[in-house]
N, C-alpha and C. Protein backbone atom coordinates (compact mmCIF):
# COMPACT_ATOMS: atom_id res chain seq x y z
N MET A 1 -20.69 1.91 7.10
CA MET A 1 -20.77 2.85 8.18
C MET A 1 -19.43 3.57 8.37
N ILE A 2 -18.34 2.81 8.25
CA ILE A 2 -17.02 3.43 8.40
C ILE A 2 -16.78 4.45 7.29
N LYS A 3 -17.19 4.10 6.09
CA LYS A 3 -17.03 5.03 4.96
C LYS A 3 -17.84 6.30 5.18
N LEU A 4 -19.04 6.17 5.69
CA LEU A 4 -19.89 7.33 5.96
C LEU A 4 -19.25 8.21 7.03
N LEU A 5 -18.73 7.60 8.11
CA LEU A 5 -18.05 8.38 9.15
C LEU A 5 -16.82 9.08 8.59
N PHE A 6 -16.08 8.39 7.74
CA PHE A 6 -14.89 8.98 7.14
C PHE A 6 -15.26 10.17 6.27
N GLN A 7 -16.32 10.04 5.46
CA GLN A 7 -16.73 11.13 4.59
C GLN A 7 -17.27 12.32 5.38
N ARG A 8 -17.98 12.04 6.45
CA ARG A 8 -18.59 13.12 7.22
C ARG A 8 -17.56 13.88 8.05
N TYR A 9 -16.60 13.16 8.62
CA TYR A 9 -15.62 13.78 9.51
C TYR A 9 -14.21 13.70 8.92
N GLU A 10 -14.10 13.93 7.64
CA GLU A 10 -12.82 13.77 6.93
C GLU A 10 -11.71 14.66 7.48
N ASN A 11 -12.04 15.84 7.95
CA ASN A 11 -11.02 16.78 8.42
C ASN A 11 -10.82 16.76 9.93
N SER A 12 -11.37 15.78 10.61
CA SER A 12 -11.21 15.73 12.07
C SER A 12 -9.82 15.22 12.44
N ALA A 13 -9.43 15.52 13.66
CA ALA A 13 -8.11 15.10 14.14
C ALA A 13 -8.00 13.59 14.27
N ILE A 14 -9.09 12.94 14.63
CA ILE A 14 -9.06 11.48 14.78
C ILE A 14 -8.87 10.80 13.43
N ILE A 15 -9.57 11.27 12.41
CA ILE A 15 -9.41 10.68 11.07
C ILE A 15 -7.99 10.95 10.56
N ALA A 16 -7.46 12.15 10.80
CA ALA A 16 -6.08 12.46 10.39
C ALA A 16 -5.10 11.54 11.10
N GLY A 17 -5.32 11.31 12.39
CA GLY A 17 -4.45 10.40 13.14
C GLY A 17 -4.52 8.98 12.61
N LEU A 18 -5.72 8.53 12.26
CA LEU A 18 -5.87 7.18 11.70
C LEU A 18 -5.18 7.07 10.34
N LYS A 19 -5.28 8.11 9.53
CA LYS A 19 -4.58 8.11 8.23
C LYS A 19 -3.07 8.02 8.44
N ASN A 20 -2.57 8.80 9.39
CA ASN A 20 -1.13 8.79 9.65
C ASN A 20 -0.66 7.46 10.20
N MET A 21 -1.47 6.84 11.04
CA MET A 21 -1.11 5.50 11.53
C MET A 21 -1.10 4.50 10.39
N GLY A 22 -2.00 4.67 9.43
CA GLY A 22 -2.02 3.78 8.28
C GLY A 22 -0.77 3.90 7.43
N LYS A 23 -0.21 5.10 7.36
CA LYS A 23 1.02 5.29 6.60
C LYS A 23 2.22 4.64 7.29
N LEU A 24 2.13 4.47 8.59
CA LEU A 24 3.19 3.84 9.37
C LEU A 24 2.72 2.50 9.93
N SER A 25 1.93 1.77 9.17
CA SER A 25 1.23 0.60 9.71
C SER A 25 2.16 -0.47 10.27
N LEU A 26 3.23 -0.81 9.58
CA LEU A 26 4.14 -1.85 10.07
C LEU A 26 4.85 -1.39 11.34
N THR A 27 5.33 -0.16 11.34
CA THR A 27 6.00 0.38 12.51
C THR A 27 5.05 0.44 13.71
N MET A 28 3.83 0.90 13.49
CA MET A 28 2.86 1.00 14.58
C MET A 28 2.45 -0.38 15.10
N TYR A 29 2.32 -1.36 14.21
CA TYR A 29 1.96 -2.72 14.62
C TYR A 29 3.03 -3.31 15.53
N ILE A 30 4.28 -3.18 15.13
CA ILE A 30 5.38 -3.72 15.93
C ILE A 30 5.50 -2.95 17.25
N LEU A 31 5.33 -1.64 17.21
CA LEU A 31 5.40 -0.83 18.43
C LEU A 31 4.28 -1.21 19.40
N GLN A 32 3.07 -1.44 18.88
CA GLN A 32 1.95 -1.89 19.74
C GLN A 32 2.29 -3.21 20.40
N SER A 33 2.86 -4.12 19.64
CA SER A 33 3.22 -5.43 20.19
C SER A 33 4.26 -5.30 21.29
N ILE A 34 5.25 -4.48 21.09
CA ILE A 34 6.30 -4.29 22.09
C ILE A 34 5.73 -3.65 23.35
N ILE A 35 4.93 -2.62 23.20
CA ILE A 35 4.36 -1.93 24.37
C ILE A 35 3.42 -2.86 25.12
N ALA A 36 2.51 -3.52 24.41
CA ALA A 36 1.50 -4.36 25.07
C ALA A 36 2.14 -5.57 25.76
N THR A 37 3.09 -6.21 25.12
CA THR A 37 3.73 -7.35 25.76
C THR A 37 4.56 -6.91 26.96
N SER A 38 5.14 -5.71 26.90
CA SER A 38 5.89 -5.19 28.04
C SER A 38 4.97 -4.92 29.23
N ILE A 39 3.73 -4.61 28.96
CA ILE A 39 2.78 -4.36 30.05
C ILE A 39 2.17 -5.66 30.55
N PHE A 40 1.77 -6.53 29.66
CA PHE A 40 0.95 -7.67 30.06
C PHE A 40 1.71 -8.98 30.26
N TYR A 41 2.87 -9.17 29.67
CA TYR A 41 3.58 -10.44 29.80
C TYR A 41 4.52 -10.44 30.99
N GLY A 42 5.06 -11.60 31.29
CA GLY A 42 5.88 -11.79 32.48
C GLY A 42 7.16 -11.01 32.50
N TYR A 43 7.77 -10.74 31.35
CA TYR A 43 9.02 -9.99 31.35
C TYR A 43 8.78 -8.50 31.53
N GLY A 44 7.53 -8.08 31.55
CA GLY A 44 7.18 -6.68 31.81
C GLY A 44 6.51 -6.56 33.17
N LEU A 45 5.33 -5.98 33.16
CA LEU A 45 4.59 -5.81 34.41
C LEU A 45 3.83 -7.07 34.82
N GLY A 46 3.63 -7.99 33.89
CA GLY A 46 2.98 -9.27 34.21
C GLY A 46 1.50 -9.16 34.54
N LEU A 47 0.78 -8.29 33.85
CA LEU A 47 -0.64 -8.09 34.15
C LEU A 47 -1.57 -9.04 33.39
N PHE A 48 -1.02 -9.95 32.58
CA PHE A 48 -1.86 -10.88 31.83
C PHE A 48 -2.60 -11.80 32.81
N GLY A 49 -3.89 -11.93 32.63
CA GLY A 49 -4.70 -12.79 33.48
C GLY A 49 -5.19 -12.12 34.75
N ALA A 50 -4.71 -10.92 35.01
CA ALA A 50 -5.18 -10.19 36.19
C ALA A 50 -6.60 -9.69 35.91
N ASP A 51 -7.35 -9.48 36.94
CA ASP A 51 -8.75 -9.06 36.81
C ASP A 51 -8.83 -7.54 36.67
N ILE A 52 -8.32 -7.04 35.54
CA ILE A 52 -8.29 -5.59 35.31
C ILE A 52 -8.83 -5.27 33.92
N PHE A 53 -9.98 -5.83 33.58
CA PHE A 53 -10.52 -5.69 32.23
C PHE A 53 -10.71 -4.23 31.83
N ILE A 54 -11.33 -3.43 32.67
CA ILE A 54 -11.57 -2.02 32.36
C ILE A 54 -10.24 -1.28 32.22
N TRP A 55 -9.29 -1.55 33.11
CA TRP A 55 -7.98 -0.91 33.02
C TRP A 55 -7.26 -1.32 31.74
N SER A 56 -7.43 -2.56 31.32
CA SER A 56 -6.81 -3.03 30.08
C SER A 56 -7.35 -2.26 28.89
N ILE A 57 -8.65 -2.04 28.86
CA ILE A 57 -9.25 -1.27 27.77
C ILE A 57 -8.73 0.16 27.77
N LEU A 58 -8.64 0.76 28.93
CA LEU A 58 -8.12 2.13 29.02
C LEU A 58 -6.65 2.21 28.61
N ILE A 59 -5.88 1.21 28.98
CA ILE A 59 -4.46 1.17 28.58
C ILE A 59 -4.34 1.09 27.07
N VAL A 60 -5.14 0.25 26.44
CA VAL A 60 -5.11 0.10 24.98
C VAL A 60 -5.52 1.40 24.30
N ILE A 61 -6.54 2.07 24.81
CA ILE A 61 -6.98 3.34 24.22
C ILE A 61 -5.89 4.39 24.34
N VAL A 62 -5.23 4.46 25.49
CA VAL A 62 -4.15 5.43 25.68
C VAL A 62 -2.98 5.13 24.74
N ILE A 63 -2.63 3.86 24.59
CA ILE A 63 -1.55 3.48 23.66
C ILE A 63 -1.92 3.88 22.24
N TYR A 64 -3.15 3.60 21.83
CA TYR A 64 -3.58 3.90 20.47
C TYR A 64 -3.60 5.40 20.21
N LEU A 65 -4.14 6.18 21.15
CA LEU A 65 -4.14 7.64 20.98
C LEU A 65 -2.73 8.20 20.96
N GLY A 66 -1.86 7.64 21.80
CA GLY A 66 -0.46 8.07 21.79
C GLY A 66 0.21 7.78 20.46
N GLN A 67 -0.10 6.63 19.89
CA GLN A 67 0.48 6.30 18.59
C GLN A 67 -0.07 7.20 17.49
N MET A 68 -1.33 7.56 17.59
CA MET A 68 -1.89 8.49 16.60
C MET A 68 -1.17 9.82 16.65
N TYR A 69 -0.93 10.30 17.86
CA TYR A 69 -0.23 11.58 18.03
C TYR A 69 1.22 11.48 17.55
N MET A 70 1.91 10.40 17.95
CA MET A 70 3.31 10.22 17.55
C MET A 70 3.45 10.09 16.04
N SER A 71 2.53 9.38 15.40
CA SER A 71 2.63 9.21 13.94
C SER A 71 2.40 10.53 13.22
N THR A 72 1.51 11.37 13.76
CA THR A 72 1.28 12.68 13.15
C THR A 72 2.53 13.54 13.25
N LEU A 73 3.16 13.55 14.42
CA LEU A 73 4.41 14.31 14.58
C LEU A 73 5.52 13.76 13.69
N TYR A 74 5.63 12.45 13.63
CA TYR A 74 6.70 11.81 12.86
C TYR A 74 6.57 12.13 11.37
N LEU A 75 5.35 12.09 10.86
CA LEU A 75 5.15 12.31 9.43
C LEU A 75 5.31 13.77 9.01
N LYS A 76 5.48 14.67 9.96
CA LYS A 76 5.79 16.06 9.60
C LYS A 76 7.22 16.18 9.10
N HIS A 77 8.07 15.21 9.46
CA HIS A 77 9.48 15.27 9.09
C HIS A 77 9.92 14.18 8.12
N PHE A 78 9.19 13.07 8.09
CA PHE A 78 9.58 11.94 7.26
C PHE A 78 8.41 11.48 6.40
N ARG A 79 8.73 10.83 5.29
CA ARG A 79 7.68 10.33 4.39
C ARG A 79 7.05 9.04 4.89
N TYR A 80 7.84 8.14 5.42
CA TYR A 80 7.33 6.87 5.93
C TYR A 80 8.21 6.40 7.08
N GLY A 81 7.70 5.41 7.80
CA GLY A 81 8.34 4.96 9.03
C GLY A 81 9.63 4.21 8.83
N PRO A 82 10.36 3.97 9.92
CA PRO A 82 11.64 3.29 9.83
C PRO A 82 11.52 1.85 9.34
N LEU A 83 10.51 1.13 9.78
CA LEU A 83 10.35 -0.25 9.31
C LEU A 83 9.85 -0.29 7.87
N GLU A 84 9.03 0.67 7.49
CA GLU A 84 8.60 0.76 6.09
C GLU A 84 9.79 1.10 5.19
N TYR A 85 10.68 1.95 5.70
CA TYR A 85 11.89 2.29 4.95
C TYR A 85 12.78 1.06 4.79
N PHE A 86 12.97 0.31 5.87
CA PHE A 86 13.76 -0.92 5.81
C PHE A 86 13.14 -1.92 4.84
N LEU A 87 11.82 -2.05 4.86
CA LEU A 87 11.15 -2.96 3.94
C LEU A 87 11.36 -2.53 2.48
N ARG A 88 11.36 -1.24 2.23
CA ARG A 88 11.63 -0.75 0.87
C ARG A 88 13.07 -1.04 0.45
N ILE A 89 14.01 -0.91 1.39
CA ILE A 89 15.41 -1.23 1.07
C ILE A 89 15.54 -2.70 0.68
N VAL A 90 14.91 -3.57 1.46
CA VAL A 90 15.00 -5.01 1.18
C VAL A 90 14.27 -5.34 -0.13
N THR A 91 13.13 -4.72 -0.36
CA THR A 91 12.34 -5.02 -1.57
C THR A 91 13.06 -4.55 -2.83
N TYR A 92 13.52 -3.30 -2.83
CA TYR A 92 14.13 -2.73 -4.03
C TYR A 92 15.64 -2.91 -4.09
N MET A 93 16.25 -3.41 -3.00
CA MET A 93 17.70 -3.59 -2.91
C MET A 93 18.45 -2.32 -3.29
N ASN A 94 17.94 -1.21 -2.76
CA ASN A 94 18.53 0.08 -3.07
C ASN A 94 18.23 1.03 -1.89
N VAL A 95 19.24 1.76 -1.45
CA VAL A 95 19.05 2.73 -0.37
C VAL A 95 18.81 4.10 -1.01
N ARG A 96 17.66 4.68 -0.71
CA ARG A 96 17.31 5.99 -1.24
C ARG A 96 17.15 6.96 -0.07
N LYS A 97 18.24 7.50 0.38
CA LYS A 97 18.22 8.33 1.57
C LYS A 97 17.40 9.60 1.39
N LYS A 98 17.52 10.25 0.27
CA LYS A 98 16.82 11.52 0.07
C LYS A 98 15.30 11.33 -0.03
N LYS A 99 14.84 10.18 -0.43
CA LYS A 99 13.41 9.94 -0.56
C LYS A 99 12.74 9.75 0.79
N TRP A 100 13.52 9.41 1.83
CA TRP A 100 12.95 9.11 3.14
C TRP A 100 12.56 10.39 3.88
N VAL A 101 13.43 11.38 3.84
CA VAL A 101 13.21 12.64 4.55
C VAL A 101 12.42 13.59 3.65
N LYS A 102 11.45 14.27 4.24
CA LYS A 102 10.65 15.22 3.46
C LYS A 102 11.50 16.43 3.12
N SER A 103 11.29 16.95 1.94
CA SER A 103 11.99 18.17 1.54
C SER A 103 11.29 19.38 2.16
N GLU A 104 11.92 20.51 2.09
CA GLU A 104 11.32 21.73 2.66
C GLU A 104 10.04 22.10 1.95
N ARG A 105 9.93 21.80 0.67
CA ARG A 105 8.72 22.10 -0.11
C ARG A 105 7.53 21.32 0.41
N GLU A 106 7.73 20.07 0.82
CA GLU A 106 6.65 19.20 1.25
C GLU A 106 6.16 19.52 2.66
N LYS A 107 6.99 20.15 3.47
CA LYS A 107 6.60 20.45 4.86
C LYS A 107 5.66 21.57 4.86
């Protein structure tokens, strides 16, 4: 079903946002964790366990849509995210500064 939706709506903004989030998957995962724990855990707003189920769902949707938008804007200037870049540095033991930023041709 997901494949059918992807094929049918390949050029939609939501599919483009999901693709861009996939390119920044590690960065987006860590950012989601930081935002959500800041909202729901005790060192943040402390809403964990509160009877706000519908509000929690709306908060998650807003965070996810915001990340889709941010990842689309970010990828207009860079090839991959900061944590993905750091992971590549550690993996290859080499800093490739020019490969991180998109060239004018690619924009």
